[in-house]
Amino acid sequence: MSMTYLTTEELAQKIKYNARTIRNELKDSVLLEGRHYIRPFGQRKILFIWENIEMDMHLESANSAFAIPMANGGFCVGVH
């Protein structure tokens, strides 16, 4: 299976978040290194793995109307 690697700016456009929010708030709390993003060759540049992010978004949206992925791998489910 081929993977689609996105820069922070490209991911921001896809998920409608500010790139700064992704870097400062979501990275390492919601988006986990090794699962949702990699650092090629140990550099500072981050490449996000779109298929893994999309899969996690779809898995939880199928289980509930509103959920936020948590750092421990679980989800916080909101109330309607």
PDB file of N, CA and C in Angstrom:
ATOM      1  N   MET A   1       0.844  -1.177   0.000  1.00  0.00           N
ATOM      2  CA  MET A   1       0.000   0.000   0.000  1.00  0.00           C
ATOM      3  C   MET A   1       0.887   1.237   0.000  1.00  0.00           C
ATOM      4  N   SER A   2       0.653   2.130  -0.920  1.00  0.00           N
ATOM      5  CA  SER A   2       1.444   3.353  -0.976  1.00  0.00           C
ATOM      6  C   SER A   2       0.874   4.383  -0.006  1.00  0.00           C
ATOM      7  N   MET A   3       1.761   5.166   0.555  1.00  0.00           N
ATOM      8  CA  MET A   3       1.373   6.184   1.534  1.00  0.00           C
ATOM      9  C   MET A   3       1.474   7.565   0.897  1.00  0.00           C
ATOM     10  N   THR A   4       0.599   8.453   1.334  1.00  0.00           N
ATOM     11  CA  THR A   4       0.636   9.838   0.903  1.00  0.00           C
ATOM     12  C   THR A   4       1.222  10.652   2.043  1.00  0.00           C
ATOM     13  N   TYR A   5       2.358  11.281   1.786  1.00  0.00           N
ATOM     14  CA  TYR A   5       3.027  12.083   2.801  1.00  0.00           C
ATOM     15  C   TYR A   5       2.721  13.548   2.554  1.00  0.00           C
ATOM     16  N   LEU A   6       2.298  14.246   3.612  1.00  0.00           N
ATOM     17  CA  LEU A   6       1.916  15.647   3.517  1.00  0.00           C
ATOM     18  C   LEU A   6       2.770  16.501   4.441  1.00  0.00           C
ATOM     19  N   THR A   7       3.064  17.713   4.000  1.00  0.00           N
ATOM     20  CA  THR A   7       3.710  18.674   4.883  1.00  0.00           C
ATOM     21  C   THR A   7       2.655  19.209   5.851  1.00  0.00           C
ATOM     22  N   THR A   8       3.096  19.951   6.838  1.00  0.00           N
ATOM     23  CA  THR A   8       2.160  20.530   7.808  1.00  0.00           C
ATOM     24  C   THR A   8       1.159  21.438   7.107  1.00  0.00           C
ATOM     25  N   GLU A   9       1.617  22.225   6.157  1.00  0.00           N
ATOM     26  CA  GLU A   9       0.737  23.144   5.446  1.00  0.00           C
ATOM     27  C   GLU A   9      -0.305  22.396   4.608  1.00  0.00           C
ATOM     28  N   GLU A  10       0.118  21.312   3.953  1.00  0.00           N
ATOM     29  CA  GLU A  10      -0.820  20.516   3.154  1.00  0.00           C
ATOM     30  C   GLU A  10      -1.859  19.835   4.039  1.00  0.00           C
ATOM     31  N   LEU A  11      -1.432  19.314   5.193  1.00  0.00           N
ATOM     32  CA  LEU A  11      -2.378  18.712   6.126  1.00  0.00           C
ATOM     33  C   LEU A  11      -3.355  19.752   6.651  1.00  0.00           C
ATOM     34  N   ALA A  12      -2.863  20.940   6.935  1.00  0.00           N
ATOM     35  CA  ALA A  12      -3.717  22.019   7.433  1.00  0.00           C
ATOM     36  C   ALA A  12      -4.843  22.331   6.440  1.00  0.00           C
ATOM     37  N   GLN A  13      -4.537  22.332   5.168  1.00  0.00           N
ATOM     38  CA  GLN A  13      -5.558  22.583   4.152  1.00  0.00           C
ATOM     39  C   GLN A  13      -6.581  21.462   4.116  1.00  0.00           C
ATOM     40  N   LYS A  14      -6.136  20.219   4.267  1.00  0.00           N
ATOM     41  CA  LYS A  14      -7.050  19.072   4.190  1.00  0.00           C
ATOM     42  C   LYS A  14      -7.998  18.997   5.381  1.00  0.00           C
ATOM     43  N   ILE A  15      -7.483  19.254   6.588  1.00  0.00           N
ATOM     44  CA  ILE A  15      -8.326  19.079   7.773  1.00  0.00           C
ATOM     45  C   ILE A  15      -8.855  20.405   8.315  1.00  0.00           C
ATOM     46  N   LYS A  16      -8.580  21.491   7.607  1.00  0.00           N
ATOM     47  CA  LYS A  16      -9.107  22.817   7.948  1.00  0.00           C
ATOM     48  C   LYS A  16      -8.667  23.294   9.331  1.00  0.00           C
ATOM     49  N   TYR A  17      -7.384  23.083   9.628  1.00  0.00           N
ATOM     50  CA  TYR A  17      -6.760  23.601  10.839  1.00  0.00           C
ATOM     51  C   TYR A  17      -5.625  24.510  10.433  1.00  0.00           C
ATOM     52  N   ASN A  18      -5.263  25.417  11.306  1.00  0.00           N
ATOM     53  CA  ASN A  18      -4.119  26.274  11.088  1.00  0.00           C
ATOM     54  C   ASN A  18      -2.857  25.429  11.256  1.00  0.00           C
ATOM     55  N   ALA A  19      -1.853  25.645  10.409  1.00  0.00           N
ATOM     56  CA  ALA A  19      -0.608  24.877  10.479  1.00  0.00           C
ATOM     57  C   ALA A  19       0.059  25.048  11.841  1.00  0.00           C
ATOM     58  N   ARG A  20      -0.027  26.219  12.418  1.00  0.00           N
ATOM     59  CA  ARG A  20       0.560  26.459  13.740  1.00  0.00           C
ATOM     60  C   ARG A  20      -0.137  25.626  14.805  1.00  0.00           C
ATOM     61  N   THR A  21      -1.457  25.478  14.703  1.00  0.00           N
ATOM     62  CA  THR A  21      -2.207  24.658  15.652  1.00  0.00           C
ATOM     63  C   THR A  21      -1.778  23.195  15.549  1.00  0.00           C
ATOM     64  N   ILE A  22      -1.567  22.726  14.343  1.00  0.00           N
ATOM     65  CA  ILE A  22      -1.113  21.343  14.150  1.00  0.00           C
ATOM     66  C   ILE A  22       0.246  21.149  14.816  1.00  0.00           C
ATOM     67  N   ARG A  23       1.167  22.068  14.570  1.00  0.00           N
ATOM     68  CA  ARG A  23       2.518  21.949  15.131  1.00  0.00           C
ATOM     69  C   ARG A  23       2.528  22.083  16.652  1.00  0.00           C
ATOM     70  N   ASN A  24       1.770  23.031  17.190  1.00  0.00           N
ATOM     71  CA  ASN A  24       1.854  23.338  18.619  1.00  0.00           C
ATOM     72  C   ASN A  24       0.885  22.558  19.498  1.00  0.00           C
ATOM     73  N   GLU A  25      -0.280  22.195  18.978  1.00  0.00           N
ATOM     74  CA  GLU A  25      -1.308  21.573  19.810  1.00  0.00           C
ATOM     75  C   GLU A  25      -1.557  20.101  19.487  1.00  0.00           C
ATOM     76  N   LEU A  26      -1.609  19.742  18.216  1.00  0.00           N
ATOM     77  CA  LEU A  26      -1.990  18.382  17.834  1.00  0.00           C
ATOM     78  C   LEU A  26      -0.811  17.416  17.764  1.00  0.00           C
ATOM     79  N   LYS A  27       0.335  17.897  17.310  1.00  0.00           N
ATOM     80  CA  LYS A  27       1.505  17.036  17.168  1.00  0.00           C
ATOM     81  C   LYS A  27       1.956  16.576  18.547  1.00  0.00           C
ATOM     82  N   ASP A  28       2.187  15.285  18.681  1.00  0.00           N
ATOM     83  CA  ASP A  28       2.629  14.629  19.914  1.00  0.00           C
ATOM     84  C   ASP A  28       1.551  14.533  20.986  1.00  0.00           C
ATOM     85  N   SER A  29       0.347  15.000  20.715  1.00  0.00           N
ATOM     86  CA  SER A  29      -0.750  14.772  21.653  1.00  0.00           C
ATOM     87  C   SER A  29      -1.844  13.971  20.956  1.00  0.00           C
ATOM     88  N   VAL A  30      -2.272  14.433  19.809  1.00  0.00           N
ATOM     89  CA  VAL A  30      -3.291  13.732  19.026  1.00  0.00           C
ATOM     90  C   VAL A  30      -2.638  12.992  17.864  1.00  0.00           C
ATOM     91  N   LEU A  31      -1.743  13.657  17.187  1.00  0.00           N
ATOM     92  CA  LEU A  31      -1.014  13.061  16.071  1.00  0.00           C
ATOM     93  C   LEU A  31       0.316  12.535  16.598  1.00  0.00           C
ATOM     94  N   LEU A  32       0.506  11.236  16.527  1.00  0.00           N
ATOM     95  CA  LEU A  32       1.634  10.579  17.169  1.00  0.00           C
ATOM     96  C   LEU A  32       2.739  10.220  16.175  1.00  0.00           C
ATOM     97  N   GLU A  33       3.980  10.445  16.608  1.00  0.00           N
ATOM     98  CA  GLU A  33       5.130  10.111  15.767  1.00  0.00           C
ATOM     99  C   GLU A  33       5.193   8.600  15.568  1.00  0.00           C
ATOM    100  N   GLY A  34       5.440   8.193  14.351  1.00  0.00           N
ATOM    101  CA  GLY A  34       5.496   6.783  14.011  1.00  0.00           C
ATOM    102  C   GLY A  34       4.163   6.254  13.493  1.00  0.00           C
ATOM    103  N   ARG A  35       3.068   6.822  13.934  1.00  0.00           N
ATOM    104  CA  ARG A  35       1.751   6.416  13.444  1.00  0.00           C
ATOM    105  C   ARG A  35       1.193   7.452  12.473  1.00  0.00           C
ATOM    106  N   HIS A  36       1.151   8.709  12.882  1.00  0.00           N
ATOM    107  CA  HIS A  36       0.558   9.768  12.073  1.00  0.00           C
ATOM    108  C   HIS A  36       1.589  10.624  11.346  1.00  0.00           C
ATOM    109  N   TYR A  37       2.832  10.614  11.816  1.00  0.00           N
ATOM    110  CA  TYR A  37       3.865  11.390  11.117  1.00  0.00           C
ATOM    111  C   TYR A  37       5.235  10.770  11.340  1.00  0.00           C
ATOM    112  N   ILE A  38       6.146  11.131  10.447  1.00  0.00           N
ATOM    113  CA  ILE A  38       7.532  10.683  10.530  1.00  0.00           C
ATOM    114  C   ILE A  38       8.454  11.874  10.361  1.00  0.00           C
ATOM    115  N   ARG A  39       9.680  11.683  10.789  1.00  0.00           N
ATOM    116  CA  ARG A  39      10.746  12.658  10.562  1.00  0.00           C
ATOM    117  C   ARG A  39      11.779  11.947   9.678  1.00  0.00           C
ATOM    118  N   PRO A  40      11.725  12.185   8.362  1.00  0.00           N
ATOM    119  CA  PRO A  40      12.655  11.481   7.473  1.00  0.00           C
ATOM    120  C   PRO A  40      14.111  11.814   7.805  1.00  0.00           C
ATOM    121  N   PHE A  41      14.907  10.772   7.905  1.00  0.00           N
ATOM    122  CA  PHE A  41      16.344  10.904   8.149  1.00  0.00           C
ATOM    123  C   PHE A  41      16.653  11.649   9.447  1.00  0.00           C
ATOM    124  N   GLY A  42      15.723  11.639  10.414  1.00  0.00           N
ATOM    125  CA  GLY A  42      15.948  12.276  11.706  1.00  0.00           C
ATOM    126  C   GLY A  42      16.011  13.789  11.658  1.00  0.00           C
ATOM    127  N   GLN A  43      15.518  14.368  10.606  1.00  0.00           N
ATOM    128  CA  GLN A  43      15.573  15.821  10.436  1.00  0.00           C
ATOM    129  C   GLN A  43      14.423  16.516  11.157  1.00  0.00           C
ATOM    130  N   ARG A  44      14.418  17.835  11.117  1.00  0.00           N
ATOM    131  CA  ARG A  44      13.346  18.624  11.724  1.00  0.00           C
ATOM    132  C   ARG A  44      12.055  18.555  10.922  1.00  0.00           C
ATOM    133  N   LYS A  45      12.176  18.378   9.619  1.00  0.00           N
ATOM    134  CA  LYS A  45      10.990  18.346   8.751  1.00  0.00           C
ATOM    135  C   LYS A  45      10.084  17.186   9.143  1.00  0.00           C
ATOM    136  N   ILE A  46       8.790  17.455   9.161  1.00  0.00           N
ATOM    137  CA  ILE A  46       7.796  16.453   9.526  1.00  0.00           C
ATOM    138  C   ILE A  46       6.937  16.167   8.307  1.00  0.00           C
ATOM    139  N   LEU A  47       6.707  14.879   8.052  1.00  0.00           N
ATOM    140  CA  LEU A  47       5.793  14.462   6.992  1.00  0.00           C
ATOM    141  C   LEU A  47       4.672  13.650   7.626  1.00  0.00           C
ATOM    142  N   PHE A  48       3.449  14.076   7.403  1.00  0.00           N
ATOM    143  CA  PHE A  48       2.279  13.418   7.960  1.00  0.00           C
ATOM    144  C   PHE A  48       1.809  12.326   7.005  1.00  0.00           C
ATOM    145  N   ILE A  49       1.372  11.202   7.556  1.00  0.00           N
ATOM    146  CA  ILE A  49       0.910  10.058   6.772  1.00  0.00           C
ATOM    147  C   ILE A  49      -0.603  10.156   6.672  1.00  0.00           C
ATOM    148  N   TRP A  50      -1.078  10.611   5.523  1.00  0.00           N
ATOM    149  CA  TRP A  50      -2.492  10.918   5.349  1.00  0.00           C
ATOM    150  C   TRP A  50      -3.386   9.706   5.569  1.00  0.00           C
ATOM    151  N   GLU A  51      -3.026   8.548   5.052  1.00  0.00           N
ATOM    152  CA  GLU A  51      -3.881   7.367   5.167  1.00  0.00           C
ATOM    153  C   GLU A  51      -4.137   6.990   6.631  1.00  0.00           C
ATOM    154  N   ASN A  52      -3.129   7.081   7.482  1.00  0.00           N
ATOM    155  CA  ASN A  52      -3.308   6.753   8.899  1.00  0.00           C
ATOM    156  C   ASN A  52      -4.179   7.781   9.610  1.00  0.00           C
ATOM    157  N   ILE A  53      -3.994   9.048   9.295  1.00  0.00           N
ATOM    158  CA  ILE A  53      -4.813  10.102   9.897  1.00  0.00           C
ATOM    159  C   ILE A  53      -6.262   9.940   9.454  1.00  0.00           C
ATOM    160  N   GLU A  54      -6.454   9.735   8.166  1.00  0.00           N
ATOM    161  CA  GLU A  54      -7.798   9.579   7.614  1.00  0.00           C
ATOM    162  C   GLU A  54      -8.490   8.338   8.193  1.00  0.00           C
ATOM    163  N   MET A  55      -7.757   7.238   8.321  1.00  0.00           N
ATOM    164  CA  MET A  55      -8.328   6.006   8.854  1.00  0.00           C
ATOM    165  C   MET A  55      -8.792   6.216  10.300  1.00  0.00           C
ATOM    166  N   ASP A  56      -7.964   6.864  11.120  1.00  0.00           N
ATOM    167  CA  ASP A  56      -8.352   7.111  12.507  1.00  0.00           C
ATOM    168  C   ASP A  56      -9.556   8.043  12.598  1.00  0.00           C
ATOM    169  N   MET A  57      -9.633   9.020  11.702  1.00  0.00           N
ATOM    170  CA  MET A  57     -10.788   9.929  11.686  1.00  0.00           C
ATOM    171  C   MET A  57     -12.056   9.164  11.321  1.00  0.00           C
ATOM    172  N   HIS A  58     -11.972   8.294  10.322  1.00  0.00           N
ATOM    173  CA  HIS A  58     -13.147   7.554   9.864  1.00  0.00           C
ATOM    174  C   HIS A  58     -13.580   6.472  10.850  1.00  0.00           C
ATOM    175  N   LEU A  59     -12.625   5.800  11.466  1.00  0.00           N
ATOM    176  CA  LEU A  59     -12.973   4.762  12.442  1.00  0.00           C
ATOM    177  C   LEU A  59     -13.818   5.328  13.575  1.00  0.00           C
ATOM    178  N   GLU A  60     -13.396   6.436  14.099  1.00  0.00           N
ATOM    179  CA  GLU A  60     -14.125   6.988  15.228  1.00  0.00           C
ATOM    180  C   GLU A  60     -15.428   7.652  14.797  1.00  0.00           C
ATOM    181  N   SER A  61     -15.462   8.264  13.614  1.00  0.00           N
ATOM    182  CA  SER A  61     -16.702   8.891  13.164  1.00  0.00           C
ATOM    183  C   SER A  61     -17.780   7.848  12.900  1.00  0.00           C
ATOM    184  N   ALA A  62     -17.385   6.621  12.585  1.00  0.00           N
ATOM    185  CA  ALA A  62     -18.359   5.548  12.390  1.00  0.00           C
ATOM    186  C   ALA A  62     -18.944   5.084  13.721  1.00  0.00           C
ATOM    187  N   ASN A  63     -18.179   5.243  14.805  1.00  0.00           N
ATOM    188  CA  ASN A  63     -18.626   4.806  16.121  1.00  0.00           C
ATOM    189  C   ASN A  63     -19.444   5.849  16.864  1.00  0.00           C
ATOM    190  N   SER A  64     -19.229   7.110  16.566  1.00  0.00           N
ATOM    191  CA  SER A  64     -19.975   8.159  17.253  1.00  0.00           C
ATOM    192  C   SER A  64     -20.093   9.381  16.358  1.00  0.00           C
ATOM    193  N   ALA A  65     -21.004  10.256  16.728  1.00  0.00           N
ATOM    194  CA  ALA A  65     -21.232  11.457  15.939  1.00  0.00           C
ATOM    195  C   ALA A  65     -20.107  12.473  16.136  1.00  0.00           C
ATOM    196  N   PHE A  66     -19.505  12.481  17.336  1.00  0.00           N
ATOM    197  CA  PHE A  66     -18.466  13.463  17.619  1.00  0.00           C
ATOM    198  C   PHE A  66     -17.440  12.859  18.564  1.00  0.00           C
ATOM    199  N   ALA A  67     -16.180  12.814  18.154  1.00  0.00           N
ATOM    200  CA  ALA A  67     -15.133  12.276  19.005  1.00  0.00           C
ATOM    201  C   ALA A  67     -13.815  12.966  18.705  1.00  0.00           C
ATOM    202  N   ILE A  68     -13.011  13.117  19.742  1.00  0.00           N
ATOM    203  CA  ILE A  68     -11.694  13.728  19.619  1.00  0.00           C
ATOM    204  C   ILE A  68     -10.658  12.665  19.955  1.00  0.00           C
ATOM    205  N   PRO A  69      -9.701  12.378  19.046  1.00  0.00           N
ATOM    206  CA  PRO A  69      -8.676  11.384  19.367  1.00  0.00           C
ATOM    207  C   PRO A  69      -7.783  11.887  20.494  1.00  0.00           C
ATOM    208  N   MET A  70      -7.441  11.013  21.420  1.00  0.00           N
ATOM    209  CA  MET A  70      -6.611  11.358  22.568  1.00  0.00           C
ATOM    210  C   MET A  70      -5.216  10.756  22.411  1.00  0.00           C
ATOM    211  N   ALA A  71      -4.263  11.281  23.142  1.00  0.00           N
ATOM    212  CA  ALA A  71      -2.874  10.869  23.033  1.00  0.00           C
ATOM    213  C   ALA A  71      -2.657   9.401  23.382  1.00  0.00           C
ATOM    214  N   ASN A  72      -3.466   8.852  24.279  1.00  0.00           N
ATOM    215  CA  ASN A  72      -3.282   7.462  24.697  1.00  0.00           C
ATOM    216  C   ASN A  72      -3.867   6.475  23.701  1.00  0.00           C
ATOM    217  N   GLY A  73      -4.390   6.955  22.593  1.00  0.00           N
ATOM    218  CA  GLY A  73      -4.966   6.082  21.573  1.00  0.00           C
ATOM    219  C   GLY A  73      -6.480   5.968  21.665  1.00  0.00           C
ATOM    220  N   GLY A  74      -7.075   6.458  22.757  1.00  0.00           N
ATOM    221  CA  GLY A  74      -8.523   6.440  22.909  1.00  0.00           C
ATOM    222  C   GLY A  74      -9.172   7.663  22.285  1.00  0.00           C
ATOM    223  N   PHE A  75     -10.457   7.836  22.550  1.00  0.00           N
ATOM    224  CA  PHE A  75     -11.192   8.959  22.001  1.00  0.00           C
ATOM    225  C   PHE A  75     -12.072   9.569  23.062  1.00  0.00           C
ATOM    226  N   CYS A  76     -12.215  10.876  23.023  1.00  0.00           N
ATOM    227  CA  CYS A  76     -13.133  11.587  23.888  1.00  0.00           C
ATOM    228  C   CYS A  76     -14.404  11.797  23.089  1.00  0.00           C
ATOM    229  N   VAL A  77     -15.507  11.216  23.553  1.00  0.00           N
ATOM    230  CA  VAL A  77     -16.760  11.269  22.816  1.00  0.00           C
ATOM    231  C   VAL A  77     -17.632  12.364  23.389  1.00  0.00           C
ATOM    232  N   GLY A  78     -18.067  13.283  22.525  1.00  0.00           N
ATOM    233  CA  GLY A  78     -18.905  14.388  22.952  1.00  0.00           C
ATOM    234  C   GLY A  78     -20.356  14.022  23.043  1.00  0.00           C
ATOM    235  N   VAL A  79     -21.116  14.898  23.630  1.00  0.00           N
ATOM    236  CA  VAL A  79     -22.559  14.704  23.799  1.00  0.00           C
ATOM    237  C   VAL A  79     -23.283  15.589  22.796  1.00  0.00           C
ATOM    238  N   HIS A  80     -24.358  15.093  22.236  1.00  0.00           N
ATOM    239  CA  HIS A  80     -25.121  15.860  21.249  1.00  0.00           C
ATOM    240  C   HIS A  80     -25.951  16.920  21.933  1.00  0.00           C
TER     241      HIS A  80
END
